[in-house]
Amino acid sequence: MTLCLSQDGAVWAGTSGKGLWRIRGEERRRFTDGRRAFERCGALDLPGPEGTLWIGTFGGGLSAFRDGRFLRYTEKDGLLSDNVAKIIDDGAALWLATTRGICRVWRASCGILGRPA
């Protein structure tokens, strides 16, 4: 399980087998992209100033949740692996620990990344 706290006080929980959850007060909501990509969340990165939550999955690549929608970035888009175990955002790039090694994805070169999930 991986956890992070967003600026609005919500707790995001990525689980191994139960998907992606947002807990805010008494509200508990499960998120899905319709493809089961979030069933095995390996990493979450705290939403930055622009409000993007980065989600690393095992089998579904890297996803971004912003403005109520998901965007996805996978091996087909140039990601080193669809298995992302750790995400570190240095402000200019995302560093990803994957099952095929460490890679850097430049934020400026691809905007918010990916295509709609």
N, C-alpha and C. Protein backbone atom coordinates (compact mmCIF):
# COMPACT_ATOMS: atom_id res chain seq x y z
N MET A 1 0.84 -1.18 0.00
CA MET A 1 0.00 0.00 0.00
C MET A 1 0.88 1.23 0.00
N THR A 2 0.42 2.27 -0.70
CA THR A 2 1.12 3.54 -0.72
C THR A 2 0.12 4.65 -0.42
N LEU A 3 0.55 5.65 0.32
CA LEU A 3 -0.34 6.74 0.76
C LEU A 3 0.28 8.09 0.44
N CYS A 4 -0.57 9.09 0.22
CA CYS A 4 -0.12 10.47 0.16
C CYS A 4 -1.27 11.39 0.55
N LEU A 5 -0.91 12.58 0.99
CA LEU A 5 -1.88 13.57 1.46
C LEU A 5 -1.92 14.72 0.47
N SER A 6 -3.12 15.06 -0.01
CA SER A 6 -3.24 16.16 -0.97
C SER A 6 -3.42 17.48 -0.23
N GLN A 7 -3.30 18.58 -0.97
CA GLN A 7 -3.39 19.91 -0.37
C GLN A 7 -4.75 20.18 0.26
N ASP A 8 -5.79 19.51 -0.21
CA ASP A 8 -7.12 19.72 0.36
C ASP A 8 -7.41 18.82 1.57
N GLY A 9 -6.40 18.07 2.02
CA GLY A 9 -6.54 17.24 3.21
C GLY A 9 -7.01 15.82 2.94
N ALA A 10 -7.23 15.49 1.69
CA ALA A 10 -7.65 14.13 1.35
C ALA A 10 -6.45 13.19 1.42
N VAL A 11 -6.70 11.97 1.83
CA VAL A 11 -5.68 10.93 1.81
C VAL A 11 -5.94 10.06 0.59
N TRP A 12 -4.91 9.90 -0.23
CA TRP A 12 -4.97 9.00 -1.38
C TRP A 12 -4.28 7.71 -1.00
N ALA A 13 -4.92 6.60 -1.30
CA ALA A 13 -4.36 5.28 -0.97
C ALA A 13 -4.33 4.43 -2.22
N GLY A 14 -3.15 3.96 -2.55
CA GLY A 14 -2.99 3.02 -3.66
C GLY A 14 -2.73 1.65 -3.07
N THR A 15 -3.51 0.68 -3.45
CA THR A 15 -3.41 -0.66 -2.86
C THR A 15 -2.93 -1.67 -3.89
N SER A 16 -2.57 -2.81 -3.40
CA SER A 16 -2.19 -3.92 -4.27
C SER A 16 -3.36 -4.90 -4.32
N GLY A 17 -4.28 -4.66 -5.22
CA GLY A 17 -5.42 -5.55 -5.39
C GLY A 17 -6.77 -4.92 -5.14
N LYS A 18 -6.81 -3.77 -4.44
CA LYS A 18 -8.09 -3.11 -4.15
C LYS A 18 -8.22 -1.75 -4.82
N GLY A 19 -7.22 -1.36 -5.62
CA GLY A 19 -7.33 -0.15 -6.41
C GLY A 19 -6.90 1.13 -5.72
N LEU A 20 -7.32 2.26 -6.32
CA LEU A 20 -6.98 3.59 -5.87
C LEU A 20 -8.17 4.20 -5.13
N TRP A 21 -7.91 4.76 -3.95
CA TRP A 21 -8.95 5.32 -3.10
C TRP A 21 -8.61 6.74 -2.68
N ARG A 22 -9.65 7.58 -2.51
CA ARG A 22 -9.51 8.89 -1.90
C ARG A 22 -10.39 8.91 -0.65
N ILE A 23 -9.80 9.30 0.46
CA ILE A 23 -10.52 9.38 1.73
C ILE A 23 -10.47 10.83 2.19
N ARG A 24 -11.65 11.43 2.33
CA ARG A 24 -11.74 12.82 2.78
C ARG A 24 -12.89 12.90 3.77
N GLY A 25 -12.56 13.09 5.04
CA GLY A 25 -13.59 13.08 6.08
C GLY A 25 -14.26 11.72 6.12
N GLU A 26 -15.57 11.69 6.00
CA GLU A 26 -16.33 10.44 5.99
C GLU A 26 -16.46 9.84 4.60
N GLU A 27 -16.08 10.61 3.59
CA GLU A 27 -16.20 10.14 2.20
C GLU A 27 -15.06 9.20 1.84
N ARG A 28 -15.41 8.07 1.25
CA ARG A 28 -14.45 7.12 0.72
C ARG A 28 -14.86 6.80 -0.71
N ARG A 29 -13.94 7.06 -1.64
CA ARG A 29 -14.28 6.86 -3.04
C ARG A 29 -13.18 6.07 -3.74
N ARG A 30 -13.60 5.07 -4.49
CA ARG A 30 -12.67 4.25 -5.27
C ARG A 30 -12.64 4.80 -6.69
N PHE A 31 -11.44 4.90 -7.25
CA PHE A 31 -11.26 5.41 -8.61
C PHE A 31 -10.83 4.27 -9.52
N THR A 32 -11.31 4.33 -10.74
CA THR A 32 -10.95 3.33 -11.74
C THR A 32 -10.84 4.00 -13.09
N ASP A 33 -10.06 3.42 -13.95
CA ASP A 33 -9.97 3.93 -15.32
C ASP A 33 -10.72 3.02 -16.28
N GLY A 34 -11.43 2.04 -15.76
CA GLY A 34 -12.19 1.12 -16.59
C GLY A 34 -11.37 -0.01 -17.17
N ARG A 35 -10.07 -0.01 -16.94
CA ARG A 35 -9.19 -1.04 -17.48
C ARG A 35 -8.49 -1.84 -16.39
N ARG A 36 -8.85 -1.61 -15.18
CA ARG A 36 -8.25 -2.28 -14.02
C ARG A 36 -6.79 -1.88 -13.80
N ALA A 37 -6.34 -0.79 -14.44
CA ALA A 37 -4.95 -0.36 -14.31
C ALA A 37 -4.62 0.05 -12.89
N PHE A 38 -5.59 0.49 -12.13
CA PHE A 38 -5.32 0.95 -10.77
C PHE A 38 -5.47 -0.15 -9.73
N GLU A 39 -5.75 -1.35 -10.14
CA GLU A 39 -5.90 -2.45 -9.18
C GLU A 39 -4.61 -2.67 -8.39
N ARG A 40 -3.46 -2.44 -9.03
CA ARG A 40 -2.17 -2.67 -8.38
C ARG A 40 -1.33 -1.39 -8.43
N CYS A 41 -1.60 -0.49 -7.49
CA CYS A 41 -0.86 0.77 -7.42
C CYS A 41 0.46 0.53 -6.70
N GLY A 42 1.55 0.92 -7.34
CA GLY A 42 2.86 0.77 -6.74
C GLY A 42 3.38 2.04 -6.13
N ALA A 43 2.91 3.20 -6.62
CA ALA A 43 3.44 4.47 -6.15
C ALA A 43 2.44 5.59 -6.36
N LEU A 44 2.48 6.56 -5.45
CA LEU A 44 1.71 7.79 -5.60
C LEU A 44 2.67 8.94 -5.33
N ASP A 45 2.49 10.04 -6.04
CA ASP A 45 3.28 11.22 -5.77
C ASP A 45 2.34 12.34 -5.39
N LEU A 46 2.68 13.05 -4.34
CA LEU A 46 1.86 14.14 -3.84
C LEU A 46 1.48 15.10 -4.94
N PRO A 47 0.22 15.53 -4.96
CA PRO A 47 -0.17 16.51 -5.96
C PRO A 47 0.64 17.79 -5.79
N GLY A 48 1.18 18.28 -6.89
CA GLY A 48 1.95 19.51 -6.87
C GLY A 48 1.05 20.73 -6.93
N PRO A 49 1.65 21.90 -7.12
CA PRO A 49 0.86 23.14 -7.15
C PRO A 49 -0.22 23.15 -8.22
N GLU A 50 0.02 22.44 -9.32
CA GLU A 50 -0.99 22.40 -10.38
C GLU A 50 -2.07 21.37 -10.10
N GLY A 51 -1.94 20.58 -9.03
CA GLY A 51 -2.97 19.66 -8.61
C GLY A 51 -2.94 18.28 -9.23
N THR A 52 -1.86 17.91 -9.88
CA THR A 52 -1.77 16.60 -10.52
C THR A 52 -1.32 15.54 -9.54
N LEU A 53 -2.08 14.47 -9.43
CA LEU A 53 -1.69 13.29 -8.65
C LEU A 53 -1.10 12.29 -9.62
N TRP A 54 0.15 11.87 -9.38
CA TRP A 54 0.82 10.89 -10.23
C TRP A 54 0.66 9.52 -9.62
N ILE A 55 0.30 8.54 -10.46
CA ILE A 55 0.00 7.18 -10.01
C ILE A 55 0.85 6.20 -10.80
N GLY A 56 1.69 5.46 -10.09
CA GLY A 56 2.47 4.42 -10.72
C GLY A 56 1.81 3.08 -10.47
N THR A 57 1.66 2.29 -11.51
CA THR A 57 0.96 1.01 -11.38
C THR A 57 1.85 -0.14 -11.86
N PHE A 58 1.45 -1.34 -11.49
CA PHE A 58 2.10 -2.54 -11.99
C PHE A 58 1.24 -3.09 -13.12
N GLY A 59 1.68 -2.85 -14.34
CA GLY A 59 0.96 -3.31 -15.52
C GLY A 59 0.22 -2.23 -16.27
N GLY A 60 0.01 -1.07 -15.65
CA GLY A 60 -0.74 0.01 -16.30
C GLY A 60 0.07 1.26 -16.56
N GLY A 61 1.37 1.24 -16.27
CA GLY A 61 2.22 2.39 -16.53
C GLY A 61 2.03 3.51 -15.52
N LEU A 62 2.17 4.74 -16.00
CA LEU A 62 2.08 5.95 -15.18
C LEU A 62 0.80 6.68 -15.55
N SER A 63 0.04 7.11 -14.56
CA SER A 63 -1.17 7.88 -14.81
C SER A 63 -1.09 9.19 -14.06
N ALA A 64 -1.81 10.17 -14.59
CA ALA A 64 -1.93 11.48 -13.96
C ALA A 64 -3.42 11.74 -13.75
N PHE A 65 -3.79 12.20 -12.55
CA PHE A 65 -5.18 12.56 -12.26
C PHE A 65 -5.20 14.06 -12.03
N ARG A 66 -5.94 14.77 -12.88
CA ARG A 66 -6.02 16.22 -12.79
C ARG A 66 -7.34 16.68 -13.35
N ASP A 67 -7.96 17.62 -12.67
CA ASP A 67 -9.23 18.20 -13.12
C ASP A 67 -10.29 17.14 -13.39
N GLY A 68 -10.30 16.09 -12.54
CA GLY A 68 -11.33 15.07 -12.64
C GLY A 68 -11.14 14.04 -13.73
N ARG A 69 -9.99 14.04 -14.40
CA ARG A 69 -9.78 13.03 -15.43
C ARG A 69 -8.39 12.41 -15.31
N PHE A 70 -8.27 11.22 -15.86
CA PHE A 70 -7.01 10.49 -15.85
C PHE A 70 -6.36 10.55 -17.22
N LEU A 71 -5.05 10.71 -17.22
CA LEU A 71 -4.25 10.58 -18.43
C LEU A 71 -3.23 9.50 -18.16
N ARG A 72 -2.86 8.77 -19.21
CA ARG A 72 -2.00 7.60 -19.03
C ARG A 72 -0.78 7.68 -19.93
N TYR A 73 0.33 7.18 -19.42
CA TYR A 73 1.59 7.13 -20.15
C TYR A 73 2.14 5.72 -19.97
N THR A 74 2.42 5.04 -21.09
CA THR A 74 2.84 3.64 -21.02
C THR A 74 4.10 3.41 -21.87
N GLU A 75 4.50 2.16 -21.95
CA GLU A 75 5.63 1.79 -22.80
C GLU A 75 5.40 2.24 -24.25
N LYS A 76 4.17 2.15 -24.72
CA LYS A 76 3.85 2.57 -26.09
C LYS A 76 4.15 4.04 -26.32
N ASP A 77 4.13 4.83 -25.24
CA ASP A 77 4.42 6.26 -25.31
C ASP A 77 5.89 6.56 -25.05
N GLY A 78 6.69 5.52 -24.80
CA GLY A 78 8.11 5.71 -24.57
C GLY A 78 8.57 5.48 -23.14
N LEU A 79 7.66 5.10 -22.25
CA LEU A 79 8.03 4.80 -20.87
C LEU A 79 8.89 3.55 -20.85
N LEU A 80 9.85 3.48 -19.97
CA LEU A 80 10.76 2.34 -19.91
C LEU A 80 10.04 1.04 -19.60
N SER A 81 9.03 1.09 -18.72
CA SER A 81 8.27 -0.10 -18.32
C SER A 81 6.87 0.32 -17.89
N ASP A 82 5.91 -0.60 -18.00
CA ASP A 82 4.56 -0.35 -17.50
C ASP A 82 4.43 -0.68 -16.02
N ASN A 83 5.53 -1.05 -15.38
CA ASN A 83 5.55 -1.37 -13.95
C ASN A 83 6.33 -0.30 -13.21
N VAL A 84 5.62 0.61 -12.54
CA VAL A 84 6.23 1.75 -11.86
C VAL A 84 6.10 1.56 -10.35
N ALA A 85 7.25 1.46 -9.67
CA ALA A 85 7.26 1.19 -8.24
C ALA A 85 7.48 2.43 -7.39
N LYS A 86 8.04 3.50 -7.97
CA LYS A 86 8.34 4.72 -7.20
C LYS A 86 8.34 5.90 -8.14
N ILE A 87 7.84 7.06 -7.65
CA ILE A 87 7.81 8.30 -8.42
C ILE A 87 8.42 9.40 -7.56
N ILE A 88 9.36 10.15 -8.12
CA ILE A 88 9.88 11.33 -7.45
C ILE A 88 9.81 12.49 -8.45
N ASP A 89 9.16 13.57 -8.03
CA ASP A 89 8.99 14.75 -8.86
C ASP A 89 10.00 15.80 -8.40
N ASP A 90 10.94 16.18 -9.28
CA ASP A 90 11.92 17.19 -8.90
C ASP A 90 11.53 18.58 -9.41
N GLY A 91 10.32 18.72 -9.93
CA GLY A 91 9.83 19.99 -10.42
C GLY A 91 9.96 20.12 -11.93
N ALA A 92 11.05 19.61 -12.48
CA ALA A 92 11.26 19.66 -13.93
C ALA A 92 10.96 18.33 -14.58
N ALA A 93 11.13 17.25 -13.83
CA ALA A 93 10.95 15.90 -14.38
C ALA A 93 10.42 14.96 -13.31
N LEU A 94 9.87 13.86 -13.78
CA LEU A 94 9.49 12.76 -12.88
C LEU A 94 10.55 11.68 -13.02
N TRP A 95 11.07 11.22 -11.90
CA TRP A 95 11.99 10.10 -11.87
C TRP A 95 11.19 8.87 -11.49
N LEU A 96 11.28 7.82 -12.28
CA LEU A 96 10.49 6.62 -12.08
C LEU A 96 11.40 5.42 -11.84
N ALA A 97 11.12 4.69 -10.78
CA ALA A 97 11.77 3.40 -10.56
C ALA A 97 10.83 2.36 -11.14
N THR A 98 11.32 1.64 -12.14
CA THR A 98 10.51 0.64 -12.82
C THR A 98 11.19 -0.72 -12.73
N THR A 99 10.51 -1.73 -13.21
CA THR A 99 11.10 -3.07 -13.21
C THR A 99 12.19 -3.22 -14.26
N ARG A 100 12.38 -2.22 -15.10
CA ARG A 100 13.45 -2.24 -16.10
C ARG A 100 14.52 -1.19 -15.84
N GLY A 101 14.47 -0.56 -14.69
CA GLY A 101 15.46 0.44 -14.33
C GLY A 101 14.83 1.78 -13.99
N ILE A 102 15.70 2.77 -13.83
CA ILE A 102 15.27 4.13 -13.48
C ILE A 102 15.21 4.96 -14.75
N CYS A 103 14.16 5.77 -14.87
CA CYS A 103 14.06 6.66 -16.02
C CYS A 103 13.55 8.02 -15.58
N ARG A 104 13.79 9.00 -16.45
CA ARG A 104 13.34 10.37 -16.18
C ARG A 104 12.40 10.78 -17.30
N VAL A 105 11.27 11.36 -16.92
CA VAL A 105 10.28 11.85 -17.88
C VAL A 105 10.19 13.36 -17.68
N TRP A 106 10.57 14.13 -18.69
CA TRP A 106 10.55 15.59 -18.60
C TRP A 106 9.12 16.10 -18.65
N ARG A 107 8.73 16.88 -17.68
CA ARG A 107 7.38 17.43 -17.61
C ARG A 107 7.11 18.41 -18.76
N ALA A 108 8.05 19.29 -19.05
CA ALA A 108 7.83 20.34 -20.06
C ALA A 108 7.70 19.76 -21.47
N SER A 109 8.36 18.68 -21.74
CA SER A 109 8.34 18.13 -23.10
C SER A 109 7.05 17.40 -23.43
N CYS A 110 6.29 17.03 -22.42
CA CYS A 110 5.07 16.28 -22.69
C CYS A 110 3.87 16.78 -21.90
N GLY A 111 3.92 18.00 -21.42
CA GLY A 111 2.79 18.55 -20.69
C GLY A 111 2.44 17.70 -19.49
N ILE A 112 1.19 17.33 -19.39
CA ILE A 112 0.75 16.50 -18.28
C ILE A 112 0.96 15.01 -18.57
N LEU A 113 1.42 14.70 -19.75
CA LEU A 113 1.74 13.33 -20.18
C LEU A 113 0.54 12.54 -20.68
N GLY A 114 0.81 11.68 -21.62
CA GLY A 114 -0.09 10.61 -21.99
C GLY A 114 -1.36 10.99 -22.72
N ARG A 115 -2.27 10.08 -22.68
CA ARG A 115 -3.54 10.20 -23.37
C ARG A 115 -4.64 9.87 -22.36
N PRO A 116 -5.88 10.23 -22.65
CA PRO A 116 -6.94 9.89 -21.71
C PRO A 116 -6.96 8.40 -21.41
N ALA A 117 -7.12 8.08 -20.15
CA ALA A 117 -7.14 6.67 -19.72
C ALA A 117 -8.48 6.04 -20.03
